[in-house]
Structures are given as C-alpha cells and as structure tokens.
Amino acid sequence: MYEDPNVAQYVLNNLDSIAQGKTESFVAFYPRFEKQLADMGGATWHTPVQINYLRKAFNDEMKDLLRATKY
C-alpha cells in the first residue's frame, strides 16, 4: 500500500492511538476515526477488526453505555 514502510507504521500508530475525547460526541468523533481507518486501507479489513479498533477508541461514557446494552 505505501512505498515507505515508515509511513504505513505511522498511520497504523495513529489508528491505534485515536480516542474519542472525554466530552466529544460520537457524531463528532466518528468522521475522524473513519479517516484514520481509510488512510490505513481499513475499508478492506474484516468488519470485526474495524469494530475492535472503534470500540477501543470509545470514551468511558460510550463504553459504559455499551456494557449496559443487552444483545
């Protein structure tokens, strides 16, 4: 995907460290997440991998809401 392997690693590090701000709404956060995912070529990744990165990036309030959700 990238000619320079350092660029690919930099983009992956950004995706790995992206986080929803403490008071940031999901609506504001999600476009930032999608851009990082797209920059890394994540659109071709399996859905569970994409979801894993997204869930890891949620703020504590969002994580609490998801824990309270019955599936």
PDB file of N, CA and C in Angstrom:
ATOM      1  N   MET A   1       0.824  -1.175   0.000  1.00  0.00           N
ATOM      2  CA  MET A   1       0.000   0.000   0.000  1.00  0.00           C
ATOM      3  C   MET A   1       0.877   1.250   0.000  1.00  0.00           C
ATOM      4  N   TYR A   2       1.806   1.367   0.916  1.00  0.00           N
ATOM      5  CA  TYR A   2       2.706   2.522   0.988  1.00  0.00           C
ATOM      6  C   TYR A   2       4.088   2.099   0.531  1.00  0.00           C
ATOM      7  N   GLU A   3       4.770   2.984  -0.208  1.00  0.00           N
ATOM      8  CA  GLU A   3       6.136   2.685  -0.627  1.00  0.00           C
ATOM      9  C   GLU A   3       7.096   2.764   0.546  1.00  0.00           C
ATOM     10  N   ASP A   4       6.858   3.683   1.445  1.00  0.00           N
ATOM     11  CA  ASP A   4       7.704   3.868   2.620  1.00  0.00           C
ATOM     12  C   ASP A   4       7.068   3.131   3.796  1.00  0.00           C
ATOM     13  N   PRO A   5       7.674   2.053   4.287  1.00  0.00           N
ATOM     14  CA  PRO A   5       7.079   1.300   5.393  1.00  0.00           C
ATOM     15  C   PRO A   5       6.913   2.137   6.657  1.00  0.00           C
ATOM     16  N   ASN A   6       7.698   3.187   6.811  1.00  0.00           N
ATOM     17  CA  ASN A   6       7.555   4.047   7.984  1.00  0.00           C
ATOM     18  C   ASN A   6       6.250   4.830   7.945  1.00  0.00           C
ATOM     19  N   VAL A   7       5.808   5.199   6.754  1.00  0.00           N
ATOM     20  CA  VAL A   7       4.540   5.909   6.618  1.00  0.00           C
ATOM     21  C   VAL A   7       3.397   4.988   7.031  1.00  0.00           C
ATOM     22  N   ALA A   8       3.427   3.753   6.577  1.00  0.00           N
ATOM     23  CA  ALA A   8       2.393   2.795   6.943  1.00  0.00           C
ATOM     24  C   ALA A   8       2.358   2.594   8.453  1.00  0.00           C
ATOM     25  N   GLN A   9       3.509   2.489   9.076  1.00  0.00           N
ATOM     26  CA  GLN A   9       3.565   2.304  10.526  1.00  0.00           C
ATOM     27  C   GLN A   9       3.037   3.531  11.253  1.00  0.00           C
ATOM     28  N   TYR A  10       3.363   4.718  10.759  1.00  0.00           N
ATOM     29  CA  TYR A  10       2.879   5.965  11.358  1.00  0.00           C
ATOM     30  C   TYR A  10       1.349   6.023  11.316  1.00  0.00           C
ATOM     31  N   VAL A  11       0.766   5.683  10.163  1.00  0.00           N
ATOM     32  CA  VAL A  11      -0.689   5.715  10.024  1.00  0.00           C
ATOM     33  C   VAL A  11      -1.327   4.672  10.936  1.00  0.00           C
ATOM     34  N   LEU A  12      -0.745   3.483  11.009  1.00  0.00           N
ATOM     35  CA  LEU A  12      -1.280   2.446  11.888  1.00  0.00           C
ATOM     36  C   LEU A  12      -1.183   2.872  13.347  1.00  0.00           C
ATOM     37  N   ASN A  13      -0.096   3.508  13.733  1.00  0.00           N
ATOM     38  CA  ASN A  13       0.034   4.018  15.102  1.00  0.00           C
ATOM     39  C   ASN A  13      -1.044   5.050  15.399  1.00  0.00           C
ATOM     40  N   ASN A  14      -1.336   5.914  14.424  1.00  0.00           N
ATOM     41  CA  ASN A  14      -2.397   6.904  14.618  1.00  0.00           C
ATOM     42  C   ASN A  14      -3.740   6.226  14.828  1.00  0.00           C
ATOM     43  N   LEU A  15      -4.035   5.213  14.040  1.00  0.00           N
ATOM     44  CA  LEU A  15      -5.289   4.488  14.194  1.00  0.00           C
ATOM     45  C   LEU A  15      -5.328   3.784  15.540  1.00  0.00           C
ATOM     46  N   ASP A  16      -4.211   3.225  15.943  1.00  0.00           N
ATOM     47  CA  ASP A  16      -4.147   2.505  17.210  1.00  0.00           C
ATOM     48  C   ASP A  16      -4.303   3.433  18.409  1.00  0.00           C
ATOM     49  N   SER A  17      -3.934   4.699  18.251  1.00  0.00           N
ATOM     50  CA  SER A  17      -3.973   5.617  19.392  1.00  0.00           C
ATOM     51  C   SER A  17      -5.118   6.621  19.340  1.00  0.00           C
ATOM     52  N   ILE A  18      -5.931   6.595  18.283  1.00  0.00           N
ATOM     53  CA  ILE A  18      -7.042   7.538  18.208  1.00  0.00           C
ATOM     54  C   ILE A  18      -8.020   7.251  19.345  1.00  0.00           C
ATOM     55  N   ALA A  19      -8.569   8.308  19.911  1.00  0.00           N
ATOM     56  CA  ALA A  19      -9.504   8.140  21.022  1.00  0.00           C
ATOM     57  C   ALA A  19     -10.576   9.217  20.964  1.00  0.00           C
ATOM     58  N   GLN A  20     -11.761   8.823  21.326  1.00  0.00           N
ATOM     59  CA  GLN A  20     -12.861   9.765  21.443  1.00  0.00           C
ATOM     60  C   GLN A  20     -12.589  10.630  22.665  1.00  0.00           C
ATOM     61  N   GLY A  21     -12.711  11.940  22.498  1.00  0.00           N
ATOM     62  CA  GLY A  21     -12.491  12.846  23.619  1.00  0.00           C
ATOM     63  C   GLY A  21     -13.488  12.610  24.738  1.00  0.00           C
ATOM     64  N   LYS A  22     -13.095  12.967  25.949  1.00  0.00           N
ATOM     65  CA  LYS A  22     -13.930  12.714  27.128  1.00  0.00           C
ATOM     66  C   LYS A  22     -15.343  13.269  26.965  1.00  0.00           C
ATOM     67  N   THR A  23     -15.462  14.456  26.380  1.00  0.00           N
ATOM     68  CA  THR A  23     -16.781  15.068  26.194  1.00  0.00           C
ATOM     69  C   THR A  23     -17.174  15.142  24.721  1.00  0.00           C
ATOM     70  N   GLU A  24     -16.417  14.476  23.862  1.00  0.00           N
ATOM     71  CA  GLU A  24     -16.683  14.510  22.421  1.00  0.00           C
ATOM     72  C   GLU A  24     -17.843  13.580  22.073  1.00  0.00           C
ATOM     73  N   SER A  25     -18.774  14.077  21.296  1.00  0.00           N
ATOM     74  CA  SER A  25     -19.893  13.235  20.879  1.00  0.00           C
ATOM     75  C   SER A  25     -19.411  12.198  19.869  1.00  0.00           C
ATOM     76  N   PHE A  26     -20.170  11.123  19.766  1.00  0.00           N
ATOM     77  CA  PHE A  26     -19.834  10.099  18.786  1.00  0.00           C
ATOM     78  C   PHE A  26     -19.924  10.668  17.373  1.00  0.00           C
ATOM     79  N   VAL A  27     -20.902  11.547  17.151  1.00  0.00           N
ATOM     80  CA  VAL A  27     -21.091  12.169  15.835  1.00  0.00           C
ATOM     81  C   VAL A  27     -19.860  12.971  15.431  1.00  0.00           C
ATOM     82  N   ALA A  28     -19.219  13.622  16.371  1.00  0.00           N
ATOM     83  CA  ALA A  28     -18.002  14.389  16.079  1.00  0.00           C
ATOM     84  C   ALA A  28     -16.789  13.469  15.931  1.00  0.00           C
ATOM     85  N   PHE A  29     -16.746  12.421  16.720  1.00  0.00           N
ATOM     86  CA  PHE A  29     -15.592  11.521  16.718  1.00  0.00           C
ATOM     87  C   PHE A  29     -15.533  10.612  15.495  1.00  0.00           C
ATOM     88  N   TYR A  30     -16.655  10.067  15.086  1.00  0.00           N
ATOM     89  CA  TYR A  30     -16.660   9.020  14.063  1.00  0.00           C
ATOM     90  C   TYR A  30     -16.011   9.425  12.736  1.00  0.00           C
ATOM     91  N   PRO A  31     -16.231  10.633  12.222  1.00  0.00           N
ATOM     92  CA  PRO A  31     -15.532  11.003  10.974  1.00  0.00           C
ATOM     93  C   PRO A  31     -14.004  10.984  11.107  1.00  0.00           C
ATOM     94  N   ARG A  32     -13.493  11.375  12.264  1.00  0.00           N
ATOM     95  CA  ARG A  32     -12.040  11.309  12.490  1.00  0.00           C
ATOM     96  C   ARG A  32     -11.567   9.861  12.448  1.00  0.00           C
ATOM     97  N   PHE A  33     -12.332   8.997  13.098  1.00  0.00           N
ATOM     98  CA  PHE A  33     -11.993   7.576  13.103  1.00  0.00           C
ATOM     99  C   PHE A  33     -12.032   7.006  11.685  1.00  0.00           C
ATOM    100  N   GLU A  34     -13.095   7.315  10.942  1.00  0.00           N
ATOM    101  CA  GLU A  34     -13.223   6.809   9.574  1.00  0.00           C
ATOM    102  C   GLU A  34     -12.064   7.252   8.691  1.00  0.00           C
ATOM    103  N   LYS A  35     -11.612   8.489   8.861  1.00  0.00           N
ATOM    104  CA  LYS A  35     -10.495   8.990   8.061  1.00  0.00           C
ATOM    105  C   LYS A  35      -9.227   8.201   8.366  1.00  0.00           C
ATOM    106  N   GLN A  36      -8.953   7.981   9.649  1.00  0.00           N
ATOM    107  CA  GLN A  36      -7.763   7.206  10.017  1.00  0.00           C
ATOM    108  C   GLN A  36      -7.861   5.782   9.466  1.00  0.00           C
ATOM    109  N   LEU A  37      -9.044   5.202   9.564  1.00  0.00           N
ATOM    110  CA  LEU A  37      -9.246   3.849   9.051  1.00  0.00           C
ATOM    111  C   LEU A  37      -9.025   3.819   7.538  1.00  0.00           C
ATOM    112  N   ALA A  38      -9.571   4.794   6.834  1.00  0.00           N
ATOM    113  CA  ALA A  38      -9.405   4.862   5.377  1.00  0.00           C
ATOM    114  C   ALA A  38      -7.943   5.076   4.997  1.00  0.00           C
ATOM    115  N   ASP A  39      -7.247   5.924   5.750  1.00  0.00           N
ATOM    116  CA  ASP A  39      -5.833   6.181   5.461  1.00  0.00           C
ATOM    117  C   ASP A  39      -5.000   4.908   5.562  1.00  0.00           C
ATOM    118  N   MET A  40      -5.435   3.981   6.388  1.00  0.00           N
ATOM    119  CA  MET A  40      -4.698   2.732   6.573  1.00  0.00           C
ATOM    120  C   MET A  40      -5.212   1.629   5.654  1.00  0.00           C
ATOM    121  N   GLY A  41      -6.238   1.914   4.862  1.00  0.00           N
ATOM    122  CA  GLY A  41      -6.801   0.889   3.989  1.00  0.00           C
ATOM    123  C   GLY A  41      -7.752  -0.027   4.721  1.00  0.00           C
ATOM    124  N   GLY A  42      -8.265   0.444   5.844  1.00  0.00           N
ATOM    125  CA  GLY A  42      -9.114  -0.378   6.694  1.00  0.00           C
ATOM    126  C   GLY A  42     -10.456  -0.744   6.104  1.00  0.00           C
ATOM    127  N   ALA A  43     -10.862  -0.092   5.017  1.00  0.00           N
ATOM    128  CA  ALA A  43     -12.145  -0.423   4.401  1.00  0.00           C
ATOM    129  C   ALA A  43     -12.166  -1.862   3.895  1.00  0.00           C
ATOM    130  N   THR A  44     -11.005  -2.419   3.636  1.00  0.00           N
ATOM    131  CA  THR A  44     -10.936  -3.800   3.145  1.00  0.00           C
ATOM    132  C   THR A  44     -10.760  -4.817   4.272  1.00  0.00           C
ATOM    133  N   TRP A  45     -10.614  -4.333   5.501  1.00  0.00           N
ATOM    134  CA  TRP A  45     -10.441  -5.238   6.639  1.00  0.00           C
ATOM    135  C   TRP A  45     -11.773  -5.889   6.985  1.00  0.00           C
ATOM    136  N   HIS A  46     -11.719  -7.033   7.621  1.00  0.00           N
ATOM    137  CA  HIS A  46     -12.935  -7.694   8.094  1.00  0.00           C
ATOM    138  C   HIS A  46     -13.637  -6.794   9.107  1.00  0.00           C
ATOM    139  N   THR A  47     -14.948  -6.822   9.092  1.00  0.00           N
ATOM    140  CA  THR A  47     -15.750  -5.973   9.969  1.00  0.00           C
ATOM    141  C   THR A  47     -15.379  -6.126  11.443  1.00  0.00           C
ATOM    142  N   PRO A  48     -15.176  -7.333  11.971  1.00  0.00           N
ATOM    143  CA  PRO A  48     -14.806  -7.442  13.387  1.00  0.00           C
ATOM    144  C   PRO A  48     -13.514  -6.699  13.733  1.00  0.00           C
ATOM    145  N   VAL A  49     -12.574  -6.633  12.809  1.00  0.00           N
ATOM    146  CA  VAL A  49     -11.329  -5.899  13.054  1.00  0.00           C
ATOM    147  C   VAL A  49     -11.622  -4.406  13.135  1.00  0.00           C
ATOM    148  N   GLN A  50     -12.434  -3.905  12.214  1.00  0.00           N
ATOM    149  CA  GLN A  50     -12.808  -2.491  12.230  1.00  0.00           C
ATOM    150  C   GLN A  50     -13.528  -2.137  13.536  1.00  0.00           C
ATOM    151  N   ILE A  51     -14.463  -2.988  13.926  1.00  0.00           N
ATOM    152  CA  ILE A  51     -15.230  -2.746  15.154  1.00  0.00           C
ATOM    153  C   ILE A  51     -14.321  -2.774  16.370  1.00  0.00           C
ATOM    154  N   ASN A  52     -13.351  -3.664  16.393  1.00  0.00           N
ATOM    155  CA  ASN A  52     -12.427  -3.739  17.515  1.00  0.00           C
ATOM    156  C   ASN A  52     -11.667  -2.428  17.687  1.00  0.00           C
ATOM    157  N   TYR A  53     -11.153  -1.877  16.587  1.00  0.00           N
ATOM    158  CA  TYR A  53     -10.460  -0.588  16.665  1.00  0.00           C
ATOM    159  C   TYR A  53     -11.405   0.509  17.140  1.00  0.00           C
ATOM    160  N   LEU A  54     -12.642   0.497  16.648  1.00  0.00           N
ATOM    161  CA  LEU A  54     -13.610   1.521  17.037  1.00  0.00           C
ATOM    162  C   LEU A  54     -13.950   1.426  18.519  1.00  0.00           C
ATOM    163  N   ARG A  55     -14.258   0.241  18.999  1.00  0.00           N
ATOM    164  CA  ARG A  55     -14.619   0.077  20.413  1.00  0.00           C
ATOM    165  C   ARG A  55     -13.475   0.477  21.334  1.00  0.00           C
ATOM    166  N   LYS A  56     -12.257   0.174  20.912  1.00  0.00           N
ATOM    167  CA  LYS A  56     -11.091   0.536  21.719  1.00  0.00           C
ATOM    168  C   LYS A  56     -10.946   2.051  21.843  1.00  0.00           C
ATOM    169  N   ALA A  57     -11.432   2.774  20.856  1.00  0.00           N
ATOM    170  CA  ALA A  57     -11.282   4.228  20.820  1.00  0.00           C
ATOM    171  C   ALA A  57     -12.370   4.973  21.585  1.00  0.00           C
ATOM    172  N   PHE A  58     -13.427   4.293  21.986  1.00  0.00           N
ATOM    173  CA  PHE A  58     -14.535   4.959  22.678  1.00  0.00           C
ATOM    174  C   PHE A  58     -14.095   5.556  24.006  1.00  0.00           C
ATOM    175  N   ASN A  59     -14.761   6.653  24.393  1.00  0.00           N
ATOM    176  CA  ASN A  59     -14.523   7.222  25.716  1.00  0.00           C
ATOM    177  C   ASN A  59     -15.257   6.371  26.755  1.00  0.00           C
ATOM    178  N   ASP A  60     -15.002   6.648  28.031  1.00  0.00           N
ATOM    179  CA  ASP A  60     -15.572   5.823  29.105  1.00  0.00           C
ATOM    180  C   ASP A  60     -17.094   5.841  29.104  1.00  0.00           C
ATOM    181  N   GLU A  61     -17.690   6.990  28.806  1.00  0.00           N
ATOM    182  CA  GLU A  61     -19.151   7.076  28.790  1.00  0.00           C
ATOM    183  C   GLU A  61     -19.734   6.143  27.726  1.00  0.00           C
ATOM    184  N   MET A  62     -19.146   6.139  26.553  1.00  0.00           N
ATOM    185  CA  MET A  62     -19.629   5.272  25.482  1.00  0.00           C
ATOM    186  C   MET A  62     -19.424   3.808  25.852  1.00  0.00           C
ATOM    187  N   LYS A  63     -18.291   3.478  26.444  1.00  0.00           N
ATOM    188  CA  LYS A  63     -18.035   2.097  26.869  1.00  0.00           C
ATOM    189  C   LYS A  63     -19.057   1.655  27.910  1.00  0.00           C
ATOM    190  N   ASP A  64     -19.395   2.548  28.849  1.00  0.00           N
ATOM    191  CA  ASP A  64     -20.404   2.223  29.858  1.00  0.00           C
ATOM    192  C   ASP A  64     -21.764   1.971  29.214  1.00  0.00           C
ATOM    193  N   LEU A  65     -22.118   2.794  28.231  1.00  0.00           N
ATOM    194  CA  LEU A  65     -23.394   2.606  27.538  1.00  0.00           C
ATOM    195  C   LEU A  65     -23.430   1.267  26.813  1.00  0.00           C
ATOM    196  N   LEU A  66     -22.331   0.883  26.219  1.00  0.00           N
ATOM    197  CA  LEU A  66     -22.288  -0.399  25.517  1.00  0.00           C
ATOM    198  C   LEU A  66     -22.357  -1.577  26.477  1.00  0.00           C
ATOM    199  N   ARG A  67     -21.735  -1.442  27.642  1.00  0.00           N
ATOM    200  CA  ARG A  67     -21.792  -2.522  28.641  1.00  0.00           C
ATOM    201  C   ARG A  67     -23.216  -2.734  29.125  1.00  0.00           C
ATOM    202  N   ALA A  68     -23.988  -1.656  29.183  1.00  0.00           N
ATOM    203  CA  ALA A  68     -25.355  -1.732  29.684  1.00  0.00           C
ATOM    204  C   ALA A  68     -26.322  -2.276  28.635  1.00  0.00           C
ATOM    205  N   THR A  69     -25.879  -2.381  27.395  1.00  0.00           N
ATOM    206  CA  THR A  69     -26.737  -2.842  26.306  1.00  0.00           C
ATOM    207  C   THR A  69     -26.860  -4.358  26.334  1.00  0.00           C
ATOM    208  N   LYS A  70     -28.090  -4.819  26.273  1.00  0.00           N
ATOM    209  CA  LYS A  70     -28.357  -6.261  26.196  1.00  0.00           C
ATOM    210  C   LYS A  70     -28.426  -6.651  24.730  1.00  0.00           C
ATOM    211  N   TYR A  71     -27.672  -7.666  24.363  1.00  0.00           N
ATOM    212  CA  TYR A  71     -27.667  -8.113  22.967  1.00  0.00           C
ATOM    213  C   TYR A  71     -28.623  -9.246  22.765  1.00  0.00           C
TER     214      TYR A  71
END
